[in-house]
PDB file of N, CA and C in Angstrom:
ATOM      1  N   UNK A   1     152.828  91.794  73.390  1.00  0.00           N
ATOM      2  CA  UNK A   1     152.348  93.085  73.866  1.00  0.00           C
ATOM      3  C   UNK A   1     153.194  94.171  73.215  1.00  0.00           C
ATOM      4  N   UNK A   2     152.552  95.206  72.743  1.00  0.00           N
ATOM      5  CA  UNK A   2     153.284  96.280  72.079  1.00  0.00           C
ATOM      6  C   UNK A   2     154.017  97.143  73.110  1.00  0.00           C
ATOM      7  N   UNK A   3     154.995  97.857  72.615  1.00  0.00           N
ATOM      8  CA  UNK A   3     155.803  98.706  73.498  1.00  0.00           C
ATOM      9  C   UNK A   3     154.961  99.816  74.118  1.00  0.00           C
ATOM     10  N   UNK A   4     154.013 100.347  73.364  1.00  0.00           N
ATOM     11  CA  UNK A   4     153.158 101.417  73.885  1.00  0.00           C
ATOM     12  C   UNK A   4     152.253 100.905  74.996  1.00  0.00           C
ATOM     13  N   UNK A   5     151.673  99.735  74.787  1.00  0.00           N
ATOM     14  CA  UNK A   5     150.808  99.154  75.821  1.00  0.00           C
ATOM     15  C   UNK A   5     151.602  98.849  77.077  1.00  0.00           C
ATOM     16  N   UNK A   6     152.809  98.338  76.917  1.00  0.00           N
ATOM     17  CA  UNK A   6     153.644  98.039  78.074  1.00  0.00           C
ATOM     18  C   UNK A   6     154.052  99.317  78.800  1.00  0.00           C
ATOM     19  N   UNK A   7     154.305 100.381  78.036  1.00  0.00           N
ATOM     20  CA  UNK A   7     154.651 101.666  78.643  1.00  0.00           C
ATOM     21  C   UNK A   7     153.524 102.151  79.553  1.00  0.00           C
ATOM     22  N   UNK A   8     152.291 102.108  79.051  1.00  0.00           N
ATOM     23  CA  UNK A   8     151.165 102.582  79.852  1.00  0.00           C
ATOM     24  C   UNK A   8     150.844 101.632  81.003  1.00  0.00           C
ATOM     25  N   UNK A   9     151.037 100.352  80.812  1.00  0.00           N
ATOM     26  CA  UNK A   9     150.814  99.392  81.881  1.00  0.00           C
ATOM     27  C   UNK A   9     151.777  99.637  83.045  1.00  0.00           C
ATOM     28  N   UNK A  10     153.039  99.845  82.735  1.00  0.00           N
ATOM     29  CA  UNK A  10     154.031 100.133  83.774  1.00  0.00           C
ATOM     30  C   UNK A  10     153.707 101.450  84.462  1.00  0.00           C
ATOM     31  N   UNK A  11     153.357 102.468  83.695  1.00  0.00           N
ATOM     32  CA  UNK A  11     153.046 103.774  84.255  1.00  0.00           C
ATOM     33  C   UNK A  11     151.860 103.702  85.212  1.00  0.00           C
ATOM     34  N   UNK A  12     150.784 103.050  84.791  1.00  0.00           N
ATOM     35  CA  UNK A  12     149.606 102.947  85.646  1.00  0.00           C
ATOM     36  C   UNK A  12     149.865 102.068  86.862  1.00  0.00           C
ATOM     37  N   UNK A  13     150.705 101.049  86.724  1.00  0.00           N
ATOM     38  CA  UNK A  13     151.049 100.207  87.873  1.00  0.00           C
ATOM     39  C   UNK A  13     151.812 101.028  88.919  1.00  0.00           C
ATOM     40  N   UNK A  14     152.767 101.838  88.477  1.00  0.00           N
ATOM     41  CA  UNK A  14     153.494 102.694  89.412  1.00  0.00           C
ATOM     42  C   UNK A  14     152.556 103.708  90.063  1.00  0.00           C
ATOM     43  N   UNK A  15     151.621 104.266  89.276  1.00  0.00           N
ATOM     44  CA  UNK A  15     150.669 105.221  89.839  1.00  0.00           C
ATOM     45  C   UNK A  15     149.772 104.559  90.880  1.00  0.00           C
ATOM     46  N   UNK A  16     149.355 103.329  90.616  1.00  0.00           N
ATOM     47  CA  UNK A  16     148.521 102.617  91.579  1.00  0.00           C
ATOM     48  C   UNK A  16     149.278 102.360  92.872  1.00  0.00           C
ATOM     49  N   UNK A  17     150.522 101.960  92.766  1.00  0.00           N
ATOM     50  CA  UNK A  17     151.338 101.742  93.961  1.00  0.00           C
ATOM     51  C   UNK A  17     151.562 103.063  94.695  1.00  0.00           C
ATOM     52  N   UNK A  18     151.716 104.153  93.948  1.00  0.00           N
ATOM     53  CA  UNK A  18     151.904 105.468  94.577  1.00  0.00           C
ATOM     54  C   UNK A  18     150.664 105.870  95.369  1.00  0.00           C
ATOM     55  N   UNK A  19     149.488 105.626  94.827  1.00  0.00           N
ATOM     56  CA  UNK A  19     148.250 105.967  95.539  1.00  0.00           C
ATOM     57  C   UNK A  19     148.103 105.112  96.791  1.00  0.00           C
ATOM     58  N   UNK A  20     148.402 103.835  96.686  1.00  0.00           N
ATOM     59  CA  UNK A  20     148.320 102.944  97.853  1.00  0.00           C
ATOM     60  C   UNK A  20     149.326 103.382  98.916  1.00  0.00           C
ATOM     61  N   UNK A  21     150.524 103.730  98.491  1.00  0.00           N
ATOM     62  CA  UNK A  21     151.536 104.183  99.456  1.00  0.00           C
ATOM     63  C   UNK A  21     151.091 105.477 100.131  1.00  0.00           C
ATOM     64  N   UNK A  22     150.524 106.390  99.362  1.00  0.00           N
ATOM     65  CA  UNK A  22     150.055 107.655  99.927  1.00  0.00           C
ATOM     66  C   UNK A  22     148.954 107.416 100.959  1.00  0.00           C
ATOM     67  N   UNK A  23     148.026 106.528 100.646  1.00  0.00           N
ATOM     68  CA  UNK A  23     146.900 106.296 101.540  1.00  0.00           C
ATOM     69  C   UNK A  23     147.280 105.515 102.798  1.00  0.00           C
ATOM     70  N   UNK A  24     148.362 104.747 102.746  1.00  0.00           N
ATOM     71  CA  UNK A  24     148.719 103.897 103.876  1.00  0.00           C
ATOM     72  C   UNK A  24     149.858 104.427 104.737  1.00  0.00           C
ATOM     73  N   UNK A  25     150.498 105.490 104.323  1.00  0.00           N
ATOM     74  CA  UNK A  25     151.591 106.047 105.131  1.00  0.00           C
ATOM     75  C   UNK A  25     151.015 106.907 106.248  1.00  0.00           C
ATOM     76  N   UNK A  26     151.550 106.731 107.454  1.00  0.00           N
ATOM     77  CA  UNK A  26     151.015 107.458 108.605  1.00  0.00           C
ATOM     78  C   UNK A  26     151.357 108.947 108.564  1.00  0.00           C
ATOM     79  N   UNK A  27     152.603 109.356 108.515  1.00  0.00           N
ATOM     80  CA  UNK A  27     152.816 110.805 108.366  1.00  0.00           C
ATOM     81  C   UNK A  27     152.445 111.221 106.938  1.00  0.00           C
ATOM     82  N   UNK A  28     151.603 112.208 106.817  1.00  0.00           N
ATOM     83  CA  UNK A  28     151.119 112.624 105.501  1.00  0.00           C
ATOM     84  C   UNK A  28     152.265 113.079 104.613  1.00  0.00           C
ATOM     85  N   UNK A  29     153.211 113.798 105.164  1.00  0.00           N
ATOM     86  CA  UNK A  29     154.312 114.294 104.351  1.00  0.00           C
ATOM     87  C   UNK A  29     155.138 113.156 103.772  1.00  0.00           C
ATOM     88  N   UNK A  30     155.288 112.059 104.535  1.00  0.00           N
ATOM     89  CA  UNK A  30     156.043 110.912 104.037  1.00  0.00           C
ATOM     90  C   UNK A  30     155.269 110.209 102.920  1.00  0.00           C
ATOM     91  N   UNK A  31     153.963 110.101 103.077  1.00  0.00           N
ATOM     92  CA  UNK A  31     153.140 109.512 102.031  1.00  0.00           C
ATOM     93  C   UNK A  31     153.204 110.302 100.743  1.00  0.00           C
ATOM     94  N   UNK A  32     153.169 111.628 100.873  1.00  0.00           N
ATOM     95  CA  UNK A  32     153.259 112.485  99.680  1.00  0.00           C
ATOM     96  C   UNK A  32     154.621 112.327  99.022  1.00  0.00           C
ATOM     97  N   UNK A  33     155.683 112.309  99.817  1.00  0.00           N
ATOM     98  CA  UNK A  33     157.033 112.176  99.273  1.00  0.00           C
ATOM     99  C   UNK A  33     157.211 110.840  98.545  1.00  0.00           C
ATOM    100  N   UNK A  34     156.735 109.769  99.147  1.00  0.00           N
ATOM    101  CA  UNK A  34     156.858 108.453  98.516  1.00  0.00           C
ATOM    102  C   UNK A  34     156.017 108.387  97.248  1.00  0.00           C
ATOM    103  N   UNK A  35     154.817 108.951  97.273  1.00  0.00           N
ATOM    104  CA  UNK A  35     153.949 108.939  96.097  1.00  0.00           C
ATOM    105  C   UNK A  35     154.580 109.725  94.947  1.00  0.00           C
ATOM    106  N   UNK A  36     155.148 110.876  95.244  1.00  0.00           N
ATOM    107  CA  UNK A  36     155.803 111.677  94.200  1.00  0.00           C
ATOM    108  C   UNK A  36     156.999 110.925  93.634  1.00  0.00           C
ATOM    109  N   UNK A  37     157.799 110.323  94.512  1.00  0.00           N
ATOM    110  CA  UNK A  37     158.952 109.558  94.052  1.00  0.00           C
ATOM    111  C   UNK A  37     158.521 108.403  93.154  1.00  0.00           C
ATOM    112  N   UNK A  38     157.480 107.663  93.556  1.00  0.00           N
ATOM    113  CA  UNK A  38     157.012 106.534  92.755  1.00  0.00           C
ATOM    114  C   UNK A  38     156.432 106.996  91.415  1.00  0.00           C
ATOM    115  N   UNK A  39     155.733 108.115  91.404  1.00  0.00           N
ATOM    116  CA  UNK A  39     155.176 108.630  90.150  1.00  0.00           C
ATOM    117  C   UNK A  39     156.300 109.024  89.186  1.00  0.00           C
ATOM    118  N   UNK A  40     157.317 109.689  89.693  1.00  0.00           N
ATOM    119  CA  UNK A  40     158.446 110.065  88.838  1.00  0.00           C
ATOM    120  C   UNK A  40     159.230 108.843  88.373  1.00  0.00           C
ATOM    121  N   UNK A  41     159.438 107.893  89.270  1.00  0.00           N
ATOM    122  CA  UNK A  41     160.149 106.670  88.902  1.00  0.00           C
ATOM    123  C   UNK A  41     159.365 105.900  87.842  1.00  0.00           C
ATOM    124  N   UNK A  42     158.048 105.854  87.982  1.00  0.00           N
ATOM    125  CA  UNK A  42     157.228 105.170  86.989  1.00  0.00           C
ATOM    126  C   UNK A  42     157.312 105.819  85.623  1.00  0.00           C
ATOM    127  N   UNK A  43     157.310 107.138  85.601  1.00  0.00           N
ATOM    128  CA  UNK A  43     157.427 107.847  84.324  1.00  0.00           C
ATOM    129  C   UNK A  43     158.774 107.563  83.663  1.00  0.00           C
ATOM    130  N   UNK A  44     159.823 107.551  84.452  1.00  0.00           N
ATOM    131  CA  UNK A  44     161.158 107.301  83.909  1.00  0.00           C
ATOM    132  C   UNK A  44     161.295 105.859  83.428  1.00  0.00           C
ATOM    133  N   UNK A  45     160.869 104.911  84.259  1.00  0.00           N
ATOM    134  CA  UNK A  45     160.993 103.500  83.895  1.00  0.00           C
ATOM    135  C   UNK A  45     160.148 103.182  82.660  1.00  0.00           C
ATOM    136  N   UNK A  46     158.938 103.725  82.593  1.00  0.00           N
ATOM    137  CA  UNK A  46     158.087 103.434  81.437  1.00  0.00           C
ATOM    138  C   UNK A  46     158.695 103.989  80.151  1.00  0.00           C
ATOM    139  N   UNK A  47     159.302 105.161  80.211  1.00  0.00           N
ATOM    140  CA  UNK A  47     159.950 105.720  79.017  1.00  0.00           C
ATOM    141  C   UNK A  47     161.166 104.895  78.619  1.00  0.00           C
ATOM    142  N   UNK A  48     161.954 104.446  79.601  1.00  0.00           N
ATOM    143  CA  UNK A  48     163.121 103.625  79.285  1.00  0.00           C
ATOM    144  C   UNK A  48     162.710 102.307  78.634  1.00  0.00           C
ATOM    145  N   UNK A  49     161.674 101.685  79.156  1.00  0.00           N
ATOM    146  CA  UNK A  49     161.184 100.429  78.578  1.00  0.00           C
ATOM    147  C   UNK A  49     160.659 100.672  77.167  1.00  0.00           C
ATOM    148  N   UNK A  50     159.918 101.761  76.984  1.00  0.00           N
ATOM    149  CA  UNK A  50     159.394 102.072  75.656  1.00  0.00           C
ATOM    150  C   UNK A  50     160.526 102.291  74.657  1.00  0.00           C
ATOM    151  N   UNK A  51     161.527 103.065  75.037  1.00  0.00           N
ATOM    152  CA  UNK A  51     162.652 103.338  74.134  1.00  0.00           C
ATOM    153  C   UNK A  51     163.409 102.055  73.794  1.00  0.00           C
ATOM    154  N   UNK A  52     163.472 101.137  74.753  1.00  0.00           N
ATOM    155  CA  UNK A  52     164.198  99.884  74.534  1.00  0.00           C
ATOM    156  C   UNK A  52     163.441  98.939  73.600  1.00  0.00           C
ATOM    157  N   UNK A  53     162.124  98.868  73.744  1.00  0.00           N
ATOM    158  CA  UNK A  53     161.340  97.871  73.020  1.00  0.00           C
ATOM    159  C   UNK A  53     160.689  98.377  71.730  1.00  0.00           C
ATOM    160  N   UNK A  54     160.542  99.670  71.588  1.00  0.00           N
ATOM    161  CA  UNK A  54     159.816 100.219  70.439  1.00  0.00           C
ATOM    162  C   UNK A  54     160.680 100.228  69.187  1.00  0.00           C
ATOM    163  N   UNK A  55     160.007 100.090  68.069  1.00  0.00           N
ATOM    164  CA  UNK A  55     160.686 100.233  66.777  1.00  0.00           C
ATOM    165  C   UNK A  55     160.844 101.725  66.479  1.00  0.00           C
ATOM    166  N   UNK A  56     161.737 102.069  65.569  1.00  0.00           N
ATOM    167  CA  UNK A  56     161.871 103.494  65.215  1.00  0.00           C
ATOM    168  C   UNK A  56     160.559 104.119  64.733  1.00  0.00           C
ATOM    169  N   UNK A  57     159.730 103.343  64.035  1.00  0.00           N
ATOM    170  CA  UNK A  57     158.448 103.867  63.577  1.00  0.00           C
ATOM    171  C   UNK A  57     157.527 104.154  64.760  1.00  0.00           C
ATOM    172  N   UNK A  58     157.499 103.286  65.763  1.00  0.00           N
ATOM    173  CA  UNK A  58     156.661 103.523  66.942  1.00  0.00           C
ATOM    174  C   UNK A  58     157.121 104.761  67.696  1.00  0.00           C
ATOM    175  N   UNK A  59     158.429 104.951  67.808  1.00  0.00           N
ATOM    176  CA  UNK A  59     158.971 106.132  68.488  1.00  0.00           C
ATOM    177  C   UNK A  59     158.582 107.397  67.720  1.00  0.00           C
ATOM    178  N   UNK A  60     158.716 107.357  66.396  1.00  0.00           N
ATOM    179  CA  UNK A  60     158.349 108.509  65.573  1.00  0.00           C
ATOM    180  C   UNK A  60     156.853 108.817  65.687  1.00  0.00           C
ATOM    181  N   UNK A  61     156.018 107.775  65.647  1.00  0.00           N
ATOM    182  CA  UNK A  61     154.572 107.969  65.784  1.00  0.00           C
ATOM    183  C   UNK A  61     154.215 108.558  67.146  1.00  0.00           C
ATOM    184  N   UNK A  62     154.902 108.100  68.182  1.00  0.00           N
ATOM    185  CA  UNK A  62     154.656 108.629  69.525  1.00  0.00           C
ATOM    186  C   UNK A  62     155.018 110.106  69.605  1.00  0.00           C
ATOM    187  N   UNK A  63     156.147 110.473  69.039  1.00  0.00           N
ATOM    188  CA  UNK A  63     156.561 111.879  69.041  1.00  0.00           C
ATOM    189  C   UNK A  63     155.610 112.736  68.213  1.00  0.00           C
ATOM    190  N   UNK A  64     155.152 112.214  67.088  1.00  0.00           N
ATOM    191  CA  UNK A  64     154.217 112.972  66.251  1.00  0.00           C
ATOM    192  C   UNK A  64     152.887 113.174  66.960  1.00  0.00           C
ATOM    193  N   UNK A  65     152.414 112.152  67.673  1.00  0.00           N
ATOM    194  CA  UNK A  65     151.132 112.304  68.378  1.00  0.00           C
ATOM    195  C   UNK A  65     151.255 113.296  69.530  1.00  0.00           C
ATOM    196  N   UNK A  66     152.410 113.326  70.180  1.00  0.00           N
ATOM    197  CA  UNK A  66     152.614 114.316  71.242  1.00  0.00           C
ATOM    198  C   UNK A  66     152.651 115.733  70.682  1.00  0.00           C
ATOM    199  N   UNK A  67     153.340 115.906  69.554  1.00  0.00           N
ATOM    200  CA  UNK A  67     153.438 117.228  68.936  1.00  0.00           C
ATOM    201  C   UNK A  67     152.073 117.681  68.426  1.00  0.00           C
ATOM    202  N   UNK A  68     151.290 116.768  67.887  1.00  0.00           N
ATOM    203  CA  UNK A  68     149.970 117.090  67.362  1.00  0.00           C
ATOM    204  C   UNK A  68     149.020 117.462  68.483  1.00  0.00           C
ATOM    205  N   UNK A  69     149.127 116.833  69.620  1.00  0.00           N
ATOM    206  CA  UNK A  69     148.175 117.099  70.708  1.00  0.00           C
ATOM    207  C   UNK A  69     148.470 118.418  71.407  1.00  0.00           C
ATOM    208  N   UNK A  70     149.628 119.011  71.198  1.00  0.00           N
ATOM    209  CA  UNK A  70     149.960 120.280  71.852  1.00  0.00           C
ATOM    210  C   UNK A  70     149.622 121.490  70.998  1.00  0.00           C
ATOM    211  N   UNK A  71     149.051 121.286  69.845  1.00  0.00           N
ATOM    212  CA  UNK A  71     148.683 122.431  68.979  1.00  0.00           C
ATOM    213  C   UNK A  71     147.451 123.123  69.481  1.00  0.00           C
TER     214      UNK A  71
END
């Protein structure tokens, strides 16, 4: 599995858990807090995994695609 695919898989898995946590928490504010925490944790963990597993070319391509999409 490529580093990019694993990055998105981890990110979407954390997002799915965040949505489930939000929908199942009784106090709404607690559900929102847990969902936000899980979404941020997923973003951080997915980036760390990507940086660890990606080749320098994959990292450069990822940065170039981000810069290109913001034009």
